Amino acid sequence: MLRVPADALRDLAQAWFPLATHLIEGLYSTARSIESTARHRESW
């Protein structure tokens, strides 16, 4: 099994696939925002 530290993997992804990295970061941010909104609504 190949193990790559997360920091090294992130750096490689940014160097090789900058647009993909940007899109993944945007999706992650959107998912966190939706989750936060859902939790806030559940607490009411």
N, C-alpha and C. Protein backbone atom coordinates (compact mmCIF):
# COMPACT_ATOMS: atom_id res chain seq x y z
N MET A 1 0.85 -1.17 0.00
CA MET A 1 0.00 0.00 0.00
C MET A 1 0.90 1.24 0.00
N LEU A 2 0.54 2.20 -0.83
CA LEU A 2 1.27 3.46 -0.90
C LEU A 2 0.64 4.46 0.05
N ARG A 3 1.44 5.04 0.90
CA ARG A 3 0.93 6.07 1.82
C ARG A 3 1.60 7.39 1.49
N VAL A 4 0.76 8.41 1.35
CA VAL A 4 1.26 9.74 1.04
C VAL A 4 0.70 10.70 2.08
N PRO A 5 1.53 11.49 2.73
CA PRO A 5 1.02 12.47 3.70
C PRO A 5 0.02 13.42 3.03
N ALA A 6 -0.98 13.83 3.79
CA ALA A 6 -2.04 14.69 3.25
C ALA A 6 -1.48 15.98 2.66
N ASP A 7 -0.50 16.58 3.33
CA ASP A 7 0.08 17.83 2.83
C ASP A 7 0.75 17.62 1.46
N ALA A 8 1.47 16.53 1.34
CA ALA A 8 2.15 16.24 0.07
C ALA A 8 1.13 15.96 -1.03
N LEU A 9 0.09 15.24 -0.70
CA LEU A 9 -0.96 14.94 -1.68
C LEU A 9 -1.66 16.21 -2.14
N ARG A 10 -1.95 17.10 -1.19
CA ARG A 10 -2.57 18.38 -1.54
C ARG A 10 -1.67 19.19 -2.46
N ASP A 11 -0.39 19.25 -2.15
CA ASP A 11 0.56 20.00 -2.98
C ASP A 11 0.64 19.42 -4.39
N LEU A 12 0.68 18.09 -4.48
CA LEU A 12 0.72 17.46 -5.80
C LEU A 12 -0.55 17.74 -6.59
N ALA A 13 -1.69 17.64 -5.94
CA ALA A 13 -2.96 17.89 -6.62
C ALA A 13 -3.03 19.33 -7.11
N GLN A 14 -2.58 20.27 -6.29
CA GLN A 14 -2.60 21.68 -6.70
C GLN A 14 -1.65 21.93 -7.86
N ALA A 15 -0.54 21.25 -7.90
CA ALA A 15 0.42 21.44 -8.98
C ALA A 15 -0.06 20.80 -10.28
N TRP A 16 -0.66 19.61 -10.18
CA TRP A 16 -1.04 18.87 -11.37
C TRP A 16 -2.45 19.22 -11.86
N PHE A 17 -3.36 19.46 -10.94
CA PHE A 17 -4.76 19.69 -11.30
C PHE A 17 -5.33 20.89 -10.54
N PRO A 18 -4.86 22.09 -10.83
CA PRO A 18 -5.30 23.26 -10.04
C PRO A 18 -6.81 23.51 -10.11
N LEU A 19 -7.43 23.32 -11.28
CA LEU A 19 -8.86 23.56 -11.39
C LEU A 19 -9.65 22.53 -10.58
N ALA A 20 -9.24 21.28 -10.66
CA ALA A 20 -9.92 20.23 -9.90
C ALA A 20 -9.81 20.50 -8.40
N THR A 21 -8.65 20.93 -7.96
CA THR A 21 -8.46 21.25 -6.55
C THR A 21 -9.39 22.39 -6.14
N HIS A 22 -9.49 23.40 -6.98
CA HIS A 22 -10.37 24.53 -6.70
C HIS A 22 -11.83 24.07 -6.61
N LEU A 23 -12.26 23.22 -7.53
CA LEU A 23 -13.64 22.72 -7.52
C LEU A 23 -13.93 21.87 -6.28
N ILE A 24 -12.98 21.03 -5.91
CA ILE A 24 -13.17 20.19 -4.72
C ILE A 24 -13.27 21.05 -3.46
N GLU A 25 -12.43 22.07 -3.37
CA GLU A 25 -12.50 22.97 -2.22
C GLU A 25 -13.85 23.68 -2.17
N GLY A 26 -14.36 24.09 -3.33
CA GLY A 26 -15.66 24.73 -3.38
C GLY A 26 -16.78 23.79 -2.97
N LEU A 27 -16.73 22.55 -3.44
CA LEU A 27 -17.75 21.57 -3.05
C LEU A 27 -17.71 21.29 -1.55
N TYR A 28 -16.52 21.18 -1.01
CA TYR A 28 -16.36 20.93 0.42
C TYR A 28 -16.93 22.09 1.23
N SER A 29 -16.63 23.30 0.80
CA SER A 29 -17.14 24.48 1.48
C SER A 29 -18.67 24.54 1.43
N THR A 30 -19.23 24.25 0.27
CA THR A 30 -20.68 24.26 0.10
C THR A 30 -21.33 23.19 0.98
N ALA A 31 -20.76 22.00 1.02
CA ALA A 31 -21.31 20.92 1.84
C ALA A 31 -21.28 21.30 3.32
N ARG A 32 -20.20 21.91 3.77
CA ARG A 32 -20.12 22.34 5.18
C ARG A 32 -21.16 23.41 5.48
N SER A 33 -21.38 24.31 4.55
CA SER A 33 -22.37 25.37 4.73
C SER A 33 -23.78 24.78 4.82
N ILE A 34 -24.09 23.84 3.95
CA ILE A 34 -25.40 23.20 3.96
C ILE A 34 -25.60 22.45 5.27
N GLU A 35 -24.58 21.72 5.70
CA GLU A 35 -24.67 20.98 6.95
C GLU A 35 -24.89 21.92 8.13
N SER A 36 -24.17 23.04 8.15
CA SER A 36 -24.32 24.01 9.22
C SER A 36 -25.73 24.59 9.24
N THR A 37 -26.25 24.91 8.08
CA THR A 37 -27.61 25.46 7.99
C THR A 37 -28.63 24.43 8.47
N ALA A 38 -28.45 23.18 8.07
CA ALA A 38 -29.38 22.13 8.50
C ALA A 38 -29.35 21.94 10.00
N ARG A 39 -28.17 21.95 10.59
CA ARG A 39 -28.06 21.81 12.05
C ARG A 39 -28.71 22.98 12.76
N HIS A 40 -28.52 24.17 12.22
CA HIS A 40 -29.13 25.37 12.82
C HIS A 40 -30.65 25.27 12.77
N ARG A 41 -31.19 24.83 11.65
CA ARG A 41 -32.66 24.70 11.53
C ARG A 41 -33.20 23.63 12.45
N GLU A 42 -32.44 22.54 12.64
CA GLU A 42 -32.89 21.47 13.53
C GLU A 42 -32.94 21.92 14.97
N SER A 43 -32.11 22.87 15.34
CA SER A 43 -32.06 23.32 16.73
C SER A 43 -33.21 24.23 17.10
N TRP A 44 -33.98 24.68 16.12
CA TRP A 44 -35.11 25.57 16.41
C TRP A 44 -36.25 24.81 16.90
